[in-house]
Amino acid sequence: MDYIFGIIDGIIACFTANLSWDYLVTTYWFLLFVEFPRYYLTDIIAVSKYGMTWKSRRKSEEMARRALYLERPLVTIMAPGKNEGKNLYHLLESLREQTYDNFEIIIVDDGSDDATPFICADLQKAGHIKHYFRMTDRGGKASAANYGMEHAKGKYLVHIDADSSLDRNAIEEILLPFYMDRDVRGVGGCIKVRNADDSMCSSMQALEYLRTIMVGRMATDMLGIFHIISGAFGAFETETIRQLGGWDIGPGLDGDITQKIRKAGYKVRFANKAICLTNVPVKWSKLFMQRLRWSKSLIRFRVRKHRDILTPNSNFTFSNMLSNLDCIVFDCVFNFVWLFYIITLILSNADRIFDIMIVGWLIRLTFSIISFATMQAVSERSKQERRLGALLIFHTLYMGYFLRVARLIGHTVELFFYSSYRDNWNPKKTSSVALAEGM
């Protein structure tokens, strides 16, 4: 690692021989004063605290584990989706291997037109799933999830994507926070990429998930501003979700349900050792469309629907305000600031823009290497994931440009054109109802 840093320092020295440190600071202010504190320094602090508190945390976890197994509550595991029949065998195989086994499985078929009905009929007949519900008329993922919720018998409801699979102790680990703090009503699992080797596109996402989910959500959880329980793997107290009316029409229903729990005065936590592996897009075009949808949901839910928690009212708490502001400011506002920064940088340094971009890339690469070291420090798959470090030279471009452009476009079209209501991700009829009711 010291050797790598030495090479990077040498390259930076070559490019910055005629530049003062004052000029470097004024040139790279966005990287140094916006990106580094939020996306690198915070993660380092979170991982450091995680390491220093391992003894007390282990004691709390063991006490919670004893309480969990003393009660042994029934857990409902629910997988809503469309055309997911081919993925169910892998999911059920991982569920059969779970260390915690007192659960029922509900599959909700949201109007599939593949072999899902036949596959699920066989699985139910063999006793591998408790219930199979088929929606003959597609209503969207939120509708399917709510239908499954109404039939859940478990004290806790685990929402999982059908194309996911779990580590053997994942269900047990995601339940522990409920027994560590009785005010916790929602817990997010740690999502990692299963098909990282399928393409360069999926490999980039594997690195991204390590940084933004595994480590990034550890940081927001530590700060008390954890703001999204992923639909790929999340656990909820069933009665609380019912009282809140379940999931609203999405996209963005993951962040929306998390905000609803927080606004009701309950806590949400992140379980970094509850590992879920999921498939991600392998083509850049599909990834771009996915991120457009995610970016639109930020505007639709956090800026519009839940803007009330930014101002003093009955739903106001300081932590909820910070949770929403963290998303809005760093994932939205600063993207437009970044665009302004890039344009002014090019216009004022046209004669040396190549040198400036190279140095900026090298600085970000240095930060990324440090960040990758923090990922390795806390990952349960550090040896397996170490090979991803070779892609860091490209990952800075992926995170710094590709994703920012996707977010900029998504935020812009949603701000001015409400385009999420026309996305095919939800049926037109449900989107029309959502628009009419302001959801």
Protein backbone atom coordinates (compact mmCIF):
# COMPACT_ATOMS: atom_id res chain seq x y z
CA MET A 1 0.00 0.00 0.00
CA ASP A 2 2.88 2.41 0.83
CA TYR A 3 4.39 1.63 -2.56
CA ILE A 4 1.15 2.57 -4.31
CA PHE A 5 0.91 5.82 -2.36
CA GLY A 6 4.51 6.58 -3.32
CA ILE A 7 3.75 6.20 -7.01
CA ILE A 8 0.64 8.36 -6.73
CA ASP A 9 2.56 11.07 -4.85
CA GLY A 10 5.21 11.03 -7.57
CA ILE A 11 2.66 11.41 -10.36
CA ILE A 12 0.88 14.22 -8.53
CA ALA A 13 4.21 15.97 -8.02
CA CYS A 14 4.88 15.87 -11.77
CA PHE A 15 1.54 17.44 -12.62
CA THR A 16 1.57 20.00 -9.82
CA ALA A 17 5.16 21.16 -10.02
CA ASN A 18 4.10 24.67 -11.03
CA LEU A 19 0.99 24.84 -8.85
CA SER A 20 0.77 26.28 -5.35
CA TRP A 21 -1.16 24.52 -2.60
CA ASP A 22 -3.50 27.50 -2.47
CA TYR A 23 -4.29 26.94 -6.12
CA LEU A 24 -4.87 23.22 -5.50
CA VAL A 25 -7.35 24.01 -2.73
CA THR A 26 -9.25 26.56 -4.81
CA THR A 27 -9.22 24.24 -7.84
CA TYR A 28 -10.35 21.07 -6.05
CA TRP A 29 -12.57 22.62 -3.39
CA PHE A 30 -15.57 20.45 -4.29
CA LEU A 31 -13.57 17.25 -3.89
CA LEU A 32 -11.78 18.36 -0.72
CA PHE A 33 -14.58 20.14 1.13
CA VAL A 34 -17.74 18.35 -0.09
CA GLU A 35 -16.91 14.82 -1.18
CA PHE A 36 -14.08 13.96 1.22
CA PRO A 37 -15.82 14.92 4.51
CA ARG A 38 -19.13 13.24 3.63
CA TYR A 39 -18.13 10.20 1.61
CA TYR A 40 -14.67 9.34 2.92
CA LEU A 41 -13.95 10.86 6.32
CA THR A 42 -17.33 9.88 7.78
CA ASP A 43 -16.84 6.29 6.64
CA ILE A 44 -13.37 6.14 8.20
CA ILE A 45 -14.74 7.44 11.51
CA ALA A 46 -17.62 4.93 11.41
CA VAL A 47 -15.32 1.96 10.78
CA SER A 48 -12.92 3.15 13.48
CA LYS A 49 -15.75 3.39 16.00
CA TYR A 50 -17.01 -0.02 14.91
CA GLY A 51 -13.59 -1.50 15.67
CA MET A 52 -13.22 0.24 19.03
CA THR A 53 -16.64 -0.80 20.32
CA TRP A 54 -16.57 -4.45 19.29
CA LYS A 55 -16.55 -5.77 22.86
CA SER A 56 -19.61 -3.85 24.06
CA ARG A 57 -21.38 -4.49 20.75
CA ARG A 58 -20.73 -8.23 20.95
CA LYS A 59 -22.13 -8.32 24.48
CA SER A 60 -25.29 -6.47 23.39
CA GLU A 61 -25.70 -8.79 20.40
CA GLU A 62 -25.38 -11.91 22.52
CA MET A 63 -27.98 -10.64 24.99
CA ALA A 64 -30.31 -9.86 22.07
CA ARG A 65 -29.65 -13.29 20.57
CA ARG A 66 -30.62 -15.00 23.82
CA ALA A 67 -33.82 -12.92 24.01
CA LEU A 68 -34.65 -13.78 20.38
CA TYR A 69 -34.29 -17.52 20.88
CA LEU A 70 -36.11 -17.37 24.21
CA GLU A 71 -39.15 -15.90 22.46
CA ARG A 72 -38.68 -17.57 19.05
CA PRO A 73 -41.31 -15.39 17.33
CA LEU A 74 -42.83 -16.46 14.05
CA VAL A 75 -41.35 -14.46 11.16
CA THR A 76 -43.07 -13.94 7.81
CA ILE A 77 -40.70 -13.85 4.85
CA MET A 78 -42.41 -12.19 1.90
CA ALA A 79 -41.18 -11.99 -1.69
CA PRO A 80 -43.42 -9.91 -3.99
CA GLY A 81 -42.56 -9.58 -7.67
CA LYS A 82 -43.35 -10.30 -11.29
CA ASN A 83 -41.84 -13.07 -13.46
CA GLU A 84 -39.54 -14.22 -10.67
CA GLY A 85 -40.27 -17.96 -10.89
CA LYS A 86 -36.78 -18.82 -12.14
CA ASN A 87 -35.20 -17.17 -9.10
CA LEU A 88 -37.31 -18.77 -6.38
CA TYR A 89 -35.34 -22.03 -6.11
CA HIS A 90 -32.13 -20.19 -5.18
CA LEU A 91 -33.98 -18.02 -2.68
CA LEU A 92 -35.72 -20.97 -1.01
CA GLU A 93 -32.49 -22.95 -0.88
CA SER A 94 -30.82 -20.13 1.07
CA LEU A 95 -33.85 -19.91 3.38
CA ARG A 96 -33.77 -23.63 4.15
CA GLU A 97 -30.21 -23.19 5.44
CA GLN A 98 -31.00 -20.38 7.88
CA THR A 99 -29.85 -20.63 11.49
CA TYR A 100 -33.20 -19.15 12.56
CA ASP A 101 -35.94 -21.39 11.21
CA ASN A 102 -39.25 -20.31 12.75
CA PHE A 103 -40.69 -18.61 9.68
CA GLU A 104 -43.38 -18.83 7.04
CA ILE A 105 -42.81 -17.93 3.39
CA ILE A 106 -45.28 -15.94 1.29
CA ILE A 107 -44.82 -15.43 -2.45
CA VAL A 108 -46.95 -12.72 -4.05
CA ASP A 109 -47.10 -12.91 -7.84
CA ASP A 110 -47.81 -9.48 -9.32
CA GLY A 111 -49.40 -10.58 -12.61
CA SER A 112 -46.60 -12.76 -13.99
CA ASP A 113 -46.82 -13.97 -17.57
CA ASP A 114 -44.07 -16.60 -17.28
CA ALA A 115 -44.06 -20.01 -15.57
CA THR A 116 -44.24 -18.52 -12.05
CA PRO A 117 -47.79 -19.85 -11.30
CA PHE A 118 -46.77 -23.45 -12.13
CA ILE A 119 -43.48 -23.20 -10.25
CA CYS A 120 -45.15 -21.78 -7.15
CA ALA A 121 -47.95 -24.35 -7.26
CA ASP A 122 -45.33 -27.11 -7.14
CA LEU A 123 -43.40 -25.37 -4.35
CA GLN A 124 -46.53 -24.89 -2.27
CA LYS A 125 -47.60 -28.51 -2.81
CA ALA A 126 -44.16 -29.67 -1.64
CA GLY A 127 -44.50 -27.52 1.48
CA HIS A 128 -41.60 -25.18 0.62
CA ILE A 129 -43.79 -22.08 0.80
CA LYS A 130 -46.73 -21.31 3.09
CA HIS A 131 -48.81 -19.18 0.74
CA TYR A 132 -48.77 -18.31 -2.94
CA PHE A 133 -50.98 -15.42 -3.96
CA ARG A 134 -51.44 -14.48 -7.60
CA MET A 135 -52.61 -11.04 -8.67
CA THR A 136 -54.15 -11.63 -12.08
CA ASP A 137 -54.12 -7.88 -12.76
CA ARG A 138 -50.72 -6.27 -12.12
CA GLY A 139 -50.87 -3.57 -9.44
CA GLY A 140 -47.19 -2.81 -8.85
CA LYS A 141 -44.73 -3.92 -6.19
CA ALA A 142 -46.29 -1.85 -3.39
CA SER A 143 -49.69 -3.40 -4.07
CA ALA A 144 -48.23 -6.91 -4.02
CA ALA A 145 -46.31 -6.21 -0.80
CA ASN A 146 -49.41 -4.87 0.93
CA TYR A 147 -51.44 -7.91 -0.09
CA GLY A 148 -48.80 -10.19 1.37
CA MET A 149 -48.61 -8.07 4.53
CA GLU A 150 -52.33 -8.53 5.18
CA HIS A 151 -51.85 -12.31 5.21
CA ALA A 152 -48.68 -12.31 7.33
CA LYS A 153 -48.93 -14.21 10.62
CA GLY A 154 -45.45 -13.39 11.87
CA LYS A 155 -44.55 -10.86 14.54
CA TYR A 156 -41.87 -9.62 12.16
CA LEU A 157 -42.14 -9.23 8.42
CA VAL A 158 -39.07 -9.70 6.23
CA HIS A 159 -39.37 -8.17 2.77
CA ILE A 160 -36.98 -9.68 0.25
CA ASP A 161 -36.51 -9.59 -3.52
CA ALA A 162 -37.06 -12.95 -5.19
CA ASP A 163 -33.74 -12.75 -7.06
CA SER A 164 -31.80 -12.54 -3.80
CA SER A 165 -30.16 -15.13 -1.56
CA LEU A 166 -29.09 -14.89 2.08
CA ASP A 167 -26.11 -15.89 4.16
CA ARG A 168 -26.94 -18.66 6.63
CA ASN A 169 -27.31 -16.32 9.61
CA ALA A 170 -28.97 -13.42 7.78
CA ILE A 171 -32.48 -13.80 9.25
CA GLU A 172 -31.08 -14.17 12.75
CA GLU A 173 -28.83 -11.11 12.36
CA ILE A 174 -31.53 -8.86 10.93
CA LEU A 175 -33.80 -9.65 13.90
CA LEU A 176 -31.24 -8.79 16.61
CA PRO A 177 -31.71 -4.98 16.55
CA PHE A 178 -35.37 -5.46 17.53
CA TYR A 179 -34.15 -7.10 20.74
CA MET A 180 -31.38 -4.58 21.37
CA ASP A 181 -33.82 -1.64 21.42
CA ARG A 182 -37.58 -2.05 21.74
CA ASP A 183 -38.17 1.24 19.91
CA VAL A 184 -36.72 -0.24 16.70
CA ARG A 185 -39.47 -1.05 14.20
CA GLY A 186 -37.47 -1.43 10.99
CA VAL A 187 -34.06 -2.94 10.17
CA GLY A 188 -32.14 -2.82 6.91
CA GLY A 189 -29.92 -5.68 5.80
CA CYS A 190 -26.55 -5.35 4.08
CA ILE A 191 -26.91 -5.80 0.31
CA LYS A 192 -24.00 -7.11 -1.73
CA VAL A 193 -23.68 -7.98 -5.42
CA ARG A 194 -23.94 -11.67 -6.34
CA ASN A 195 -23.15 -11.36 -10.06
CA ALA A 196 -20.08 -9.14 -9.72
CA ASP A 197 -18.12 -11.19 -12.29
CA ASP A 198 -20.72 -10.97 -15.05
CA SER A 199 -19.48 -7.70 -16.56
CA MET A 200 -17.47 -4.55 -15.85
CA CYS A 201 -20.80 -2.87 -15.15
CA SER A 202 -21.73 -5.31 -12.38
CA SER A 203 -18.19 -5.20 -10.96
CA MET A 204 -18.45 -1.41 -10.62
CA GLN A 205 -21.69 -1.85 -8.73
CA ALA A 206 -20.12 -4.47 -6.45
CA LEU A 207 -17.52 -1.90 -5.38
CA GLU A 208 -20.20 0.78 -5.07
CA TYR A 209 -22.38 -1.38 -2.83
CA LEU A 210 -19.44 -2.08 -0.52
CA ARG A 211 -18.82 1.62 -0.11
CA THR A 212 -22.33 3.09 -0.10
CA ILE A 213 -24.27 0.26 1.58
CA MET A 214 -21.93 -1.83 3.72
CA VAL A 215 -19.82 1.08 5.00
CA GLY A 216 -21.98 4.08 4.09
CA ARG A 217 -25.03 2.81 5.95
CA MET A 218 -22.89 1.88 8.93
CA ALA A 219 -21.97 5.58 9.01
CA THR A 220 -25.54 6.90 8.73
CA ASP A 221 -26.66 4.36 11.34
CA MET A 222 -23.92 5.57 13.68
CA LEU A 223 -25.05 9.18 13.16
CA GLY A 224 -28.71 8.30 13.74
CA ILE A 225 -29.73 9.37 10.23
CA PHE A 226 -30.09 5.96 8.54
CA HIS A 227 -32.72 6.65 5.90
CA ILE A 228 -33.39 3.67 3.66
CA ILE A 229 -34.28 0.05 4.39
CA SER A 230 -33.64 -1.72 1.12
CA GLY A 231 -36.52 -3.64 -0.40
CA ALA A 232 -34.05 -6.36 -1.35
CA PHE A 233 -33.74 -7.30 2.34
CA GLY A 234 -35.48 -5.47 5.16
CA ALA A 235 -37.30 -6.47 8.36
CA PHE A 236 -40.23 -4.73 10.03
CA GLU A 237 -42.50 -5.20 13.00
CA THR A 238 -45.65 -6.39 11.23
CA GLU A 239 -48.17 -4.54 13.37
CA THR A 240 -46.32 -1.23 12.97
CA ILE A 241 -46.29 -1.53 9.18
CA ARG A 242 -50.01 -2.25 9.19
CA GLN A 243 -50.71 0.78 11.37
CA LEU A 244 -48.73 2.92 8.92
CA GLY A 245 -50.79 1.68 5.98
CA GLY A 246 -48.04 -0.41 4.42
CA TRP A 247 -46.16 0.59 1.31
CA ASP A 248 -47.21 3.52 -0.87
CA ILE A 249 -47.01 3.41 -4.64
CA GLY A 250 -43.38 3.85 -5.81
CA PRO A 251 -40.73 4.02 -7.21
CA GLY A 252 -38.78 4.83 -4.08
CA LEU A 253 -41.03 2.80 -1.78
CA ASP A 254 -37.98 1.61 0.21
CA GLY A 255 -37.01 5.09 1.34
CA ASP A 256 -40.66 6.04 1.70
CA ILE A 257 -41.54 3.27 4.17
CA THR A 258 -38.39 4.10 6.15
CA GLN A 259 -39.44 7.74 6.41
CA LYS A 260 -42.94 6.73 7.50
CA ILE A 261 -41.50 4.67 10.36
CA ARG A 262 -39.23 7.53 11.46
CA LYS A 263 -42.05 10.07 11.30
CA ALA A 264 -44.18 7.83 13.52
CA GLY A 265 -41.54 8.23 16.22
CA TYR A 266 -39.86 4.85 15.90
CA LYS A 267 -36.26 3.92 15.22
CA VAL A 268 -34.70 2.23 12.19
CA ARG A 269 -31.35 0.45 12.28
CA PHE A 270 -28.85 -1.11 9.91
CA ALA A 271 -27.67 -4.70 10.44
CA ASN A 272 -24.30 -4.86 8.71
CA LYS A 273 -23.87 -8.59 9.40
CA ALA A 274 -27.21 -9.56 7.85
CA ILE A 275 -25.92 -10.24 4.35
CA CYS A 276 -28.12 -10.47 1.28
CA LEU A 277 -26.69 -11.17 -2.18
CA THR A 278 -28.61 -9.79 -5.13
CA ASN A 279 -28.24 -9.54 -8.89
CA VAL A 280 -27.60 -6.11 -10.43
CA PRO A 281 -27.83 -4.90 -14.04
CA VAL A 282 -25.00 -6.14 -16.26
CA LYS A 283 -25.56 -3.58 -19.03
CA TRP A 284 -24.80 0.11 -18.69
CA SER A 285 -28.07 1.12 -20.36
CA LYS A 286 -30.17 -0.83 -17.84
CA LEU A 287 -28.10 0.48 -14.95
CA PHE A 288 -28.58 4.04 -16.20
CA MET A 289 -32.36 3.58 -16.34
CA GLN A 290 -32.37 2.06 -12.84
CA ARG A 291 -30.47 5.03 -11.43
CA LEU A 292 -32.77 7.47 -13.20
CA ARG A 293 -35.68 5.81 -11.39
CA TRP A 294 -33.89 5.92 -8.03
CA SER A 295 -33.04 9.61 -8.52
CA LYS A 296 -36.61 10.50 -9.42
CA SER A 297 -37.81 8.84 -6.23
CA LEU A 298 -35.62 11.13 -4.13
CA ILE A 299 -37.43 14.19 -5.51
CA ARG A 300 -40.84 12.57 -5.39
CA PHE A 301 -40.68 11.36 -1.81
CA ARG A 302 -38.08 13.34 0.09
CA VAL A 303 -38.51 16.74 -1.55
CA ARG A 304 -42.28 16.60 -2.08
CA LYS A 305 -44.08 14.00 0.02
CA HIS A 306 -41.94 14.15 3.17
CA ARG A 307 -40.84 17.77 3.05
CA ASP A 308 -42.88 18.35 6.22
CA ILE A 309 -40.12 16.86 8.38
CA LEU A 310 -37.81 19.68 7.32
CA THR A 311 -39.90 22.25 9.18
CA PRO A 312 -41.21 22.40 12.78
CA ASN A 313 -44.51 20.51 12.98
CA SER A 314 -45.99 17.44 14.63
CA ASN A 315 -43.64 15.16 12.67
CA PHE A 316 -40.51 17.17 13.36
CA THR A 317 -37.46 15.75 15.09
CA PHE A 318 -33.90 16.92 14.63
CA SER A 319 -32.65 13.47 13.58
CA ASN A 320 -35.43 13.09 10.99
CA MET A 321 -34.64 16.53 9.59
CA LEU A 322 -30.95 15.62 9.30
CA SER A 323 -31.80 12.28 7.73
CA ASN A 324 -33.83 13.90 4.98
CA LEU A 325 -31.41 16.81 4.55
CA ASP A 326 -28.49 14.41 4.14
CA CYS A 327 -30.21 12.89 1.10
CA ILE A 328 -31.49 16.12 -0.37
CA VAL A 329 -28.29 18.14 0.08
CA PHE A 330 -25.60 15.59 -0.75
CA ASP A 331 -27.46 13.44 -3.29
CA CYS A 332 -29.38 16.23 -5.04
CA VAL A 333 -28.37 19.84 -4.34
CA PHE A 334 -24.65 19.18 -4.50
CA ASN A 335 -25.07 17.44 -7.86
CA PHE A 336 -26.15 20.78 -9.32
CA VAL A 337 -23.31 22.48 -7.44
CA TRP A 338 -20.95 19.92 -8.98
CA LEU A 339 -22.24 20.76 -12.48
CA PHE A 340 -21.60 24.45 -11.83
CA TYR A 341 -18.16 23.58 -10.44
CA ILE A 342 -17.20 21.51 -13.53
CA ILE A 343 -18.41 24.17 -15.98
CA THR A 344 -16.56 27.01 -14.23
CA LEU A 345 -13.46 24.83 -13.89
CA ILE A 346 -13.39 24.17 -17.64
CA LEU A 347 -14.10 27.78 -18.61
CA SER A 348 -11.45 29.26 -16.31
CA ASN A 349 -8.75 26.67 -17.03
CA ALA A 350 -9.25 25.76 -20.66
CA ASP A 351 -5.50 25.74 -21.36
CA ARG A 352 -4.67 23.21 -18.64
CA ILE A 353 -7.90 21.32 -18.11
CA PHE A 354 -6.29 17.96 -18.93
CA ASP A 355 -3.68 18.35 -16.20
CA ILE A 356 -6.33 19.48 -13.73
CA MET A 357 -8.60 16.51 -14.49
CA ILE A 358 -5.71 14.04 -14.15
CA VAL A 359 -4.68 15.42 -10.77
CA GLY A 360 -8.31 15.42 -9.59
CA TRP A 361 -8.61 11.77 -10.67
CA LEU A 362 -5.43 10.89 -8.76
CA ILE A 363 -6.61 12.64 -5.60
CA ARG A 364 -9.93 10.81 -5.78
CA LEU A 365 -8.10 7.54 -6.46
CA THR A 366 -6.04 8.08 -3.29
CA PHE A 367 -9.22 8.64 -1.30
CA SER A 368 -10.75 5.52 -2.89
CA ILE A 369 -7.80 3.35 -1.88
CA ILE A 370 -8.18 4.52 1.70
CA SER A 371 -11.93 3.89 1.48
CA PHE A 372 -11.33 0.39 0.10
CA ALA A 373 -9.08 -0.36 3.07
CA THR A 374 -11.97 0.51 5.41
CA MET A 375 -14.25 -1.83 3.44
CA GLN A 376 -11.76 -4.65 3.82
CA ALA A 377 -11.53 -4.01 7.56
CA VAL A 378 -15.21 -4.76 8.19
CA SER A 379 -16.19 -7.15 5.40
CA GLU A 380 -16.90 -10.80 6.15
CA ARG A 381 -15.75 -11.57 2.57
CA SER A 382 -12.57 -9.50 2.53
CA LYS A 383 -10.44 -12.09 0.70
CA GLN A 384 -13.09 -12.72 -1.91
CA GLU A 385 -13.68 -8.99 -2.47
CA ARG A 386 -10.02 -7.98 -2.47
CA ARG A 387 -9.77 -8.55 -6.22
CA LEU A 388 -12.21 -5.67 -6.75
CA GLY A 389 -9.47 -3.30 -5.61
CA ALA A 390 -7.88 -3.59 -9.06
CA LEU A 391 -10.89 -1.72 -10.48
CA LEU A 392 -10.45 1.37 -8.31
CA ILE A 393 -8.69 3.21 -11.14
CA PHE A 394 -11.94 3.07 -13.11
CA HIS A 395 -14.31 3.28 -10.18
CA THR A 396 -13.50 6.94 -9.53
CA LEU A 397 -14.86 7.75 -13.01
CA TYR A 398 -17.94 5.58 -12.40
CA MET A 399 -18.78 7.25 -9.08
CA GLY A 400 -17.61 10.75 -9.98
CA TYR A 401 -19.14 11.11 -13.44
CA PHE A 402 -21.45 8.28 -14.58
CA LEU A 403 -23.60 8.23 -11.44
CA ARG A 404 -23.61 12.01 -11.05
CA VAL A 405 -24.86 12.50 -14.60
CA ALA A 406 -27.60 9.89 -14.07
CA ARG A 407 -28.68 11.60 -10.85
CA LEU A 408 -28.64 15.05 -12.44
CA ILE A 409 -30.90 13.94 -15.27
CA GLY A 410 -33.23 12.03 -12.92
CA HIS A 411 -33.57 14.92 -10.49
CA THR A 412 -34.13 17.46 -13.26
CA VAL A 413 -36.86 15.59 -15.15
CA GLU A 414 -38.67 14.77 -11.92
CA LEU A 415 -38.43 18.31 -10.54
CA PHE A 416 -39.90 19.92 -13.63
CA PHE A 417 -41.90 17.18 -15.38
CA TYR A 418 -43.03 14.69 -12.66
CA SER A 419 -41.78 11.94 -14.97
CA SER A 420 -41.80 9.15 -12.36
CA TYR A 421 -45.58 8.92 -12.78
CA ARG A 422 -45.05 7.85 -16.40
CA ASP A 423 -42.43 5.16 -15.69
CA ASN A 424 -43.32 1.61 -16.70
CA TRP A 425 -41.98 0.36 -13.35
CA ASN A 426 -45.52 0.86 -12.03
CA PRO A 427 -48.75 0.21 -13.93
CA LYS A 428 -50.27 3.33 -15.43
CA LYS A 429 -53.47 2.97 -13.41
CA THR A 430 -51.65 2.94 -10.07
CA SER A 431 -49.43 5.86 -11.05
CA SER A 432 -52.53 7.86 -11.99
CA VAL A 433 -54.02 7.22 -8.55
CA ALA A 434 -50.73 8.14 -6.88
CA LEU A 435 -50.53 11.42 -8.80
CA ALA A 436 -54.12 12.30 -7.96
CA GLU A 437 -53.56 11.62 -4.26
CA GLY A 438 -50.15 13.28 -4.10
CA MET A 439 -48.20 10.10 -3.35
